[in-house]
Amino acid sequence: MGVQPASTVELRETLLSRNGLPGLDKYIVRAGAADACQAAEIFRAHGFVVIRDALTPKQTESLRCACEREARPILGSDPVRIGNRGGGRYSFGEAQKTGHLLHCEEWAMLADLDTLVPALELIFGNKDYVVAGAGGDFVVNGVERYQNLHCDINARGCYDREEAPVVTANFTVSPLTPENGPMRIVPGTHLPPKGVPSELWQPPGEEQEDEEWRFFTFCPLPAGCAILRDNRTWHGGTPNIASEPRFLPNCEFAASWWCQGPSS
């Protein structure tokens, strides 16, 4: 489902003139311990934060190549690009028997990055979290539809605390531009407004979404960034009319209080 543009030319003009989260710079901090407190504050207030230089150029290139490697068999089995997250959109994890890619060294390295751990420890509270999986998504070039807004967790109890039950770190392995399908996000939607029951707090459908929100995208962003996102925050995919697929690999972290069962 999504919005079908009148034409690619018109769409490109619209994306170039309107794409970009207002005040994007205020959501961006440097990697490491020095700015970890600021990162955690931004995250709690808005439901996400961007960590610049979370990956070194070598790590970024290694992960980008790994994304291309893992995408090849997925696309090879889907020549008409039906996708598993909508037309031309794919989840790496959903394409795996294990549900994730932690068995690949390029994803395993994301689980304990010195550039992210200080912020994660403040977000969760010391070391009170676990690695819950890794994967991410990609959208092939030529996709002109929007993906509907959604949140990645809506299970019972996920709004019982203000603290995030699960945090996803998405990594930019190439620059995000207005044209190559940057993720869009609606700040502050990780918690329902005061007086709104959590069971009624749902992302709007295609026809109800505020038009401006379609352009609240993470662009421009350079390669090597990490986007830390509360999994309750509303977000969605955007058109990729560039010449190449856009990859956003991730690693997921869960609060210890959220984890249940004998494996916790």
Protein backbone atom coordinates (compact mmCIF):
# COMPACT_ATOMS: atom_id res chain seq x y z
CA MET A 1 0.00 0.00 0.00
CA GLY A 2 1.17 3.55 -0.54
CA VAL A 3 0.88 6.72 -2.54
CA GLN A 4 1.28 6.36 -6.31
CA PRO A 5 2.99 9.48 -7.72
CA ALA A 6 1.74 11.20 -10.85
CA SER A 7 5.13 10.80 -12.52
CA THR A 8 8.73 10.09 -11.63
CA VAL A 9 9.77 13.57 -12.79
CA GLU A 10 7.19 15.23 -10.58
CA LEU A 11 8.12 12.96 -7.69
CA ARG A 12 11.83 13.76 -8.04
CA GLU A 13 11.12 17.50 -7.97
CA THR A 14 8.97 17.06 -4.87
CA LEU A 15 11.53 14.96 -3.04
CA LEU A 16 14.40 17.30 -3.84
CA SER A 17 12.47 20.37 -2.71
CA ARG A 18 10.70 18.98 0.38
CA ASN A 19 12.55 15.96 1.78
CA GLY A 20 14.39 16.36 5.07
CA LEU A 21 13.36 16.28 8.74
CA PRO A 22 12.95 19.90 9.96
CA GLY A 23 15.83 20.81 12.25
CA LEU A 24 17.64 17.54 11.55
CA ASP A 25 20.90 18.85 13.04
CA LYS A 26 19.38 19.11 16.52
CA TYR A 27 18.90 15.32 16.56
CA ILE A 28 22.55 14.57 15.66
CA VAL A 29 25.39 14.07 18.16
CA ARG A 30 28.95 12.85 17.89
CA ALA A 31 29.85 9.27 18.75
CA GLY A 32 31.44 8.34 22.07
CA ALA A 33 31.16 8.97 25.80
CA ALA A 34 31.52 12.76 25.68
CA ASP A 35 28.13 13.26 24.04
CA ALA A 36 26.36 10.19 25.41
CA CYS A 37 24.25 12.17 27.91
CA GLN A 38 23.04 14.50 25.17
CA ALA A 39 22.27 11.52 22.95
CA ALA A 40 20.18 9.87 25.67
CA GLU A 41 18.28 13.10 26.36
CA ILE A 42 17.41 13.58 22.68
CA PHE A 43 16.38 9.94 22.42
CA ARG A 44 14.05 10.10 25.42
CA ALA A 45 12.46 13.35 24.27
CA HIS A 46 11.88 12.46 20.62
CA GLY A 47 12.08 8.67 20.32
CA PHE A 48 15.33 8.63 18.33
CA VAL A 49 18.78 10.16 17.98
CA VAL A 50 21.43 10.11 15.24
CA ILE A 51 25.03 9.23 16.20
CA ARG A 52 27.52 10.56 13.67
CA ASP A 53 30.66 8.50 12.92
CA ALA A 54 29.35 5.43 14.69
CA LEU A 55 31.22 3.32 12.14
CA THR A 56 34.70 3.84 10.74
CA PRO A 57 35.03 4.07 6.95
CA LYS A 58 36.43 0.53 6.91
CA GLN A 59 33.53 -0.83 8.97
CA THR A 60 31.04 1.05 6.82
CA GLU A 61 32.42 -0.36 3.58
CA SER A 62 32.57 -3.89 5.01
CA LEU A 63 28.93 -3.67 6.09
CA ARG A 64 27.84 -2.18 2.77
CA CYS A 65 29.47 -5.03 0.87
CA ALA A 66 27.84 -7.52 3.22
CA CYS A 67 24.44 -5.97 2.51
CA GLU A 68 25.00 -6.39 -1.21
CA ARG A 69 26.08 -10.00 -0.64
CA GLU A 70 23.02 -10.87 1.43
CA ALA A 71 20.66 -9.03 -0.92
CA ARG A 72 21.74 -10.98 -4.01
CA PRO A 73 20.05 -14.31 -3.14
CA ILE A 74 16.96 -12.49 -1.84
CA LEU A 75 16.54 -10.60 -5.11
CA GLY A 76 17.46 -13.69 -7.11
CA SER A 77 14.45 -15.49 -5.67
CA ASP A 78 12.14 -12.53 -6.33
CA PRO A 79 12.65 -11.43 -9.95
CA VAL A 80 9.43 -9.39 -10.05
CA ARG A 81 10.35 -7.54 -6.82
CA ILE A 82 7.26 -8.39 -4.79
CA GLY A 83 9.31 -7.84 -1.63
CA ASN A 84 8.62 -9.04 1.90
CA ARG A 85 7.91 -5.55 3.30
CA GLY A 86 5.88 -4.20 0.39
CA GLY A 87 6.76 -3.83 -3.27
CA GLY A 88 10.54 -3.63 -3.70
CA ARG A 89 11.12 -3.51 0.06
CA TYR A 90 12.88 -6.26 1.98
CA SER A 91 13.69 -7.22 5.53
CA PHE A 92 17.02 -9.01 5.84
CA GLY A 93 15.83 -10.84 8.95
CA GLU A 94 12.55 -12.08 7.48
CA ALA A 95 14.52 -13.69 4.65
CA GLN A 96 16.61 -15.76 7.10
CA LYS A 97 15.69 -19.07 8.72
CA THR A 98 17.11 -17.72 11.99
CA GLY A 99 15.22 -14.43 11.70
CA HIS A 100 18.40 -12.39 11.89
CA LEU A 101 21.98 -12.05 10.63
CA LEU A 102 24.02 -12.23 13.82
CA HIS A 103 25.78 -15.28 12.39
CA CYS A 104 27.49 -12.91 9.92
CA GLU A 105 30.57 -11.17 11.29
CA GLU A 106 29.63 -7.84 9.73
CA TRP A 107 26.41 -7.78 11.77
CA ALA A 108 27.97 -9.32 14.89
CA MET A 109 30.39 -6.38 15.12
CA LEU A 110 27.40 -4.03 15.59
CA ALA A 111 26.48 -5.62 18.91
CA ASP A 112 29.19 -3.96 21.00
CA LEU A 113 30.44 -0.80 19.33
CA ASP A 114 32.45 1.54 21.56
CA THR A 115 30.84 4.44 19.73
CA LEU A 116 27.29 3.40 20.78
CA VAL A 117 27.65 1.60 24.12
CA PRO A 118 27.89 4.81 26.24
CA ALA A 119 24.59 6.11 24.82
CA LEU A 120 22.89 2.69 25.03
CA GLU A 121 23.91 2.28 28.67
CA LEU A 122 22.35 5.64 29.54
CA ILE A 123 19.19 4.89 27.54
CA PHE A 124 18.67 1.51 29.19
CA GLY A 125 20.34 2.13 32.53
CA ASN A 126 23.92 0.91 32.93
CA LYS A 127 24.30 -2.52 31.24
CA ASP A 128 20.67 -3.51 31.76
CA TYR A 129 20.02 -4.63 28.17
CA VAL A 130 20.72 -7.49 25.78
CA VAL A 131 21.32 -7.88 22.06
CA ALA A 132 18.03 -9.08 20.59
CA GLY A 133 18.94 -9.60 16.94
CA ALA A 134 20.31 -7.95 13.83
CA GLY A 135 19.21 -7.52 10.25
CA GLY A 136 17.76 -4.35 8.75
CA ASP A 137 16.03 -3.52 5.50
CA PHE A 138 16.64 -2.39 1.96
CA VAL A 139 14.60 -0.88 -0.84
CA VAL A 140 15.53 -1.39 -4.48
CA ASN A 141 15.82 1.51 -6.89
CA GLY A 142 12.71 2.31 -8.91
CA VAL A 143 10.28 2.08 -5.98
CA GLU A 144 7.99 5.11 -6.18
CA ARG A 145 5.53 4.27 -3.42
CA TYR A 146 5.60 5.21 0.23
CA GLN A 147 5.46 2.56 2.90
CA ASN A 148 2.75 3.23 5.48
CA LEU A 149 3.74 4.58 8.88
CA HIS A 150 4.17 1.85 11.47
CA CYS A 151 5.89 1.03 14.74
CA ASP A 152 8.04 -2.04 15.27
CA ILE A 153 6.55 -3.04 18.60
CA ASN A 154 2.96 -2.89 19.80
CA ALA A 155 2.80 -5.75 22.26
CA ARG A 156 0.93 -5.64 25.53
CA GLY A 157 2.90 -3.80 28.16
CA CYS A 158 5.25 -1.95 25.81
CA TYR A 159 3.84 1.40 27.02
CA ASP A 160 3.85 0.48 30.71
CA ARG A 161 7.08 2.42 31.16
CA GLU A 162 8.37 5.55 29.54
CA GLU A 163 11.69 3.81 28.94
CA ALA A 164 12.12 2.08 25.58
CA PRO A 165 11.56 -1.67 25.72
CA VAL A 166 13.51 -2.19 22.49
CA VAL A 167 15.95 0.05 20.62
CA THR A 168 16.99 -0.45 17.00
CA ALA A 169 20.26 0.96 15.68
CA ASN A 170 20.10 1.46 11.90
CA PHE A 171 23.38 2.18 10.14
CA THR A 172 23.91 4.32 7.05
CA VAL A 173 26.31 2.40 4.81
CA SER A 174 26.00 5.04 2.10
CA PRO A 175 24.77 8.64 2.25
CA LEU A 176 21.02 9.11 2.64
CA THR A 177 19.68 11.57 0.09
CA PRO A 178 16.22 12.92 -0.79
CA GLU A 179 16.01 10.49 -3.70
CA ASN A 180 17.29 7.15 -2.39
CA GLY A 181 14.56 6.14 0.04
CA PRO A 182 15.61 7.57 3.41
CA MET A 183 13.55 6.46 6.40
CA ARG A 184 10.93 8.95 7.58
CA ILE A 185 10.01 9.36 11.24
CA VAL A 186 7.52 11.32 13.36
CA PRO A 187 9.25 12.79 16.43
CA GLY A 188 7.62 12.22 19.79
CA THR A 189 5.36 9.35 18.74
CA HIS A 190 7.10 6.79 20.96
CA LEU A 191 4.66 7.58 23.78
CA PRO A 192 0.93 8.34 23.63
CA PRO A 193 -0.09 11.88 24.60
CA LYS A 194 -1.37 12.32 28.14
CA GLY A 195 -4.95 11.10 28.36
CA VAL A 196 -4.78 8.88 25.27
CA PRO A 197 -5.10 5.16 26.10
CA SER A 198 -2.13 3.22 24.75
CA GLU A 199 -4.42 0.80 22.91
CA LEU A 200 -5.74 3.73 20.86
CA TRP A 201 -2.28 5.08 20.03
CA GLN A 202 -1.79 3.83 16.48
CA PRO A 203 -0.10 5.26 13.36
CA PRO A 204 -2.57 6.76 10.88
CA GLY A 205 -3.42 5.03 7.64
CA GLU A 206 -2.40 6.23 4.21
CA GLU A 207 -5.33 8.59 3.78
CA GLN A 208 -5.12 10.04 7.30
CA GLU A 209 -1.37 10.72 7.46
CA ASP A 210 -0.34 14.37 7.60
CA GLU A 211 1.22 15.15 4.21
CA GLU A 212 4.18 16.90 5.83
CA TRP A 213 5.16 13.74 7.67
CA ARG A 214 6.01 12.05 4.38
CA PHE A 215 8.99 14.38 4.12
CA PHE A 216 10.24 14.01 7.73
CA THR A 217 13.19 12.00 6.44
CA PHE A 218 16.70 11.33 7.69
CA CYS A 219 18.42 13.24 4.91
CA PRO A 220 20.94 14.36 4.15
CA LEU A 221 23.04 12.04 6.30
CA PRO A 222 26.57 10.80 5.55
CA ALA A 223 27.63 7.19 5.60
CA GLY A 224 28.74 5.80 8.97
CA CYS A 225 25.89 7.17 11.09
CA ALA A 226 23.76 5.17 13.51
CA ILE A 227 20.09 6.03 13.96
CA LEU A 228 19.03 4.88 17.44
CA ARG A 229 15.26 4.49 17.43
CA ASP A 230 12.75 3.55 20.12
CA ASN A 231 10.84 0.74 18.43
CA ARG A 232 7.55 2.37 19.42
CA THR A 233 8.27 5.46 17.30
CA TRP A 234 6.24 5.82 14.10
CA HIS A 235 8.34 5.55 10.95
CA GLY A 236 8.12 4.35 7.36
CA GLY A 237 9.82 3.95 4.02
CA THR A 238 9.95 6.49 1.21
CA PRO A 239 10.49 6.31 -2.57
CA ASN A 240 13.87 5.28 -3.94
CA ILE A 241 14.26 6.78 -7.39
CA ALA A 242 18.06 6.78 -7.26
CA SER A 243 20.16 4.41 -9.36
CA GLU A 244 20.99 1.89 -6.60
CA PRO A 245 19.30 0.07 -3.70
CA ARG A 246 19.32 1.78 -0.31
CA PHE A 247 20.50 -0.42 2.58
CA LEU A 248 19.85 0.22 6.30
CA PRO A 249 21.31 -2.71 8.24
CA ASN A 250 20.56 -2.79 11.95
CA CYS A 251 21.21 -4.28 15.35
CA GLU A 252 18.44 -4.53 17.97
CA PHE A 253 18.75 -4.16 21.73
CA ALA A 254 16.14 -5.02 24.36
CA ALA A 255 15.77 -3.85 27.94
CA SER A 256 16.25 -6.62 30.48
CA TRP A 257 12.87 -5.79 32.06
CA TRP A 258 11.20 -6.41 28.71
CA CYS A 259 12.80 -9.81 28.13
CA GLN A 260 10.77 -12.75 29.42
CA GLY A 261 11.18 -16.49 29.55
CA PRO A 262 13.96 -18.91 30.57
CA SER A 263 16.44 -17.48 28.02
CA SER A 264 16.32 -14.03 29.65
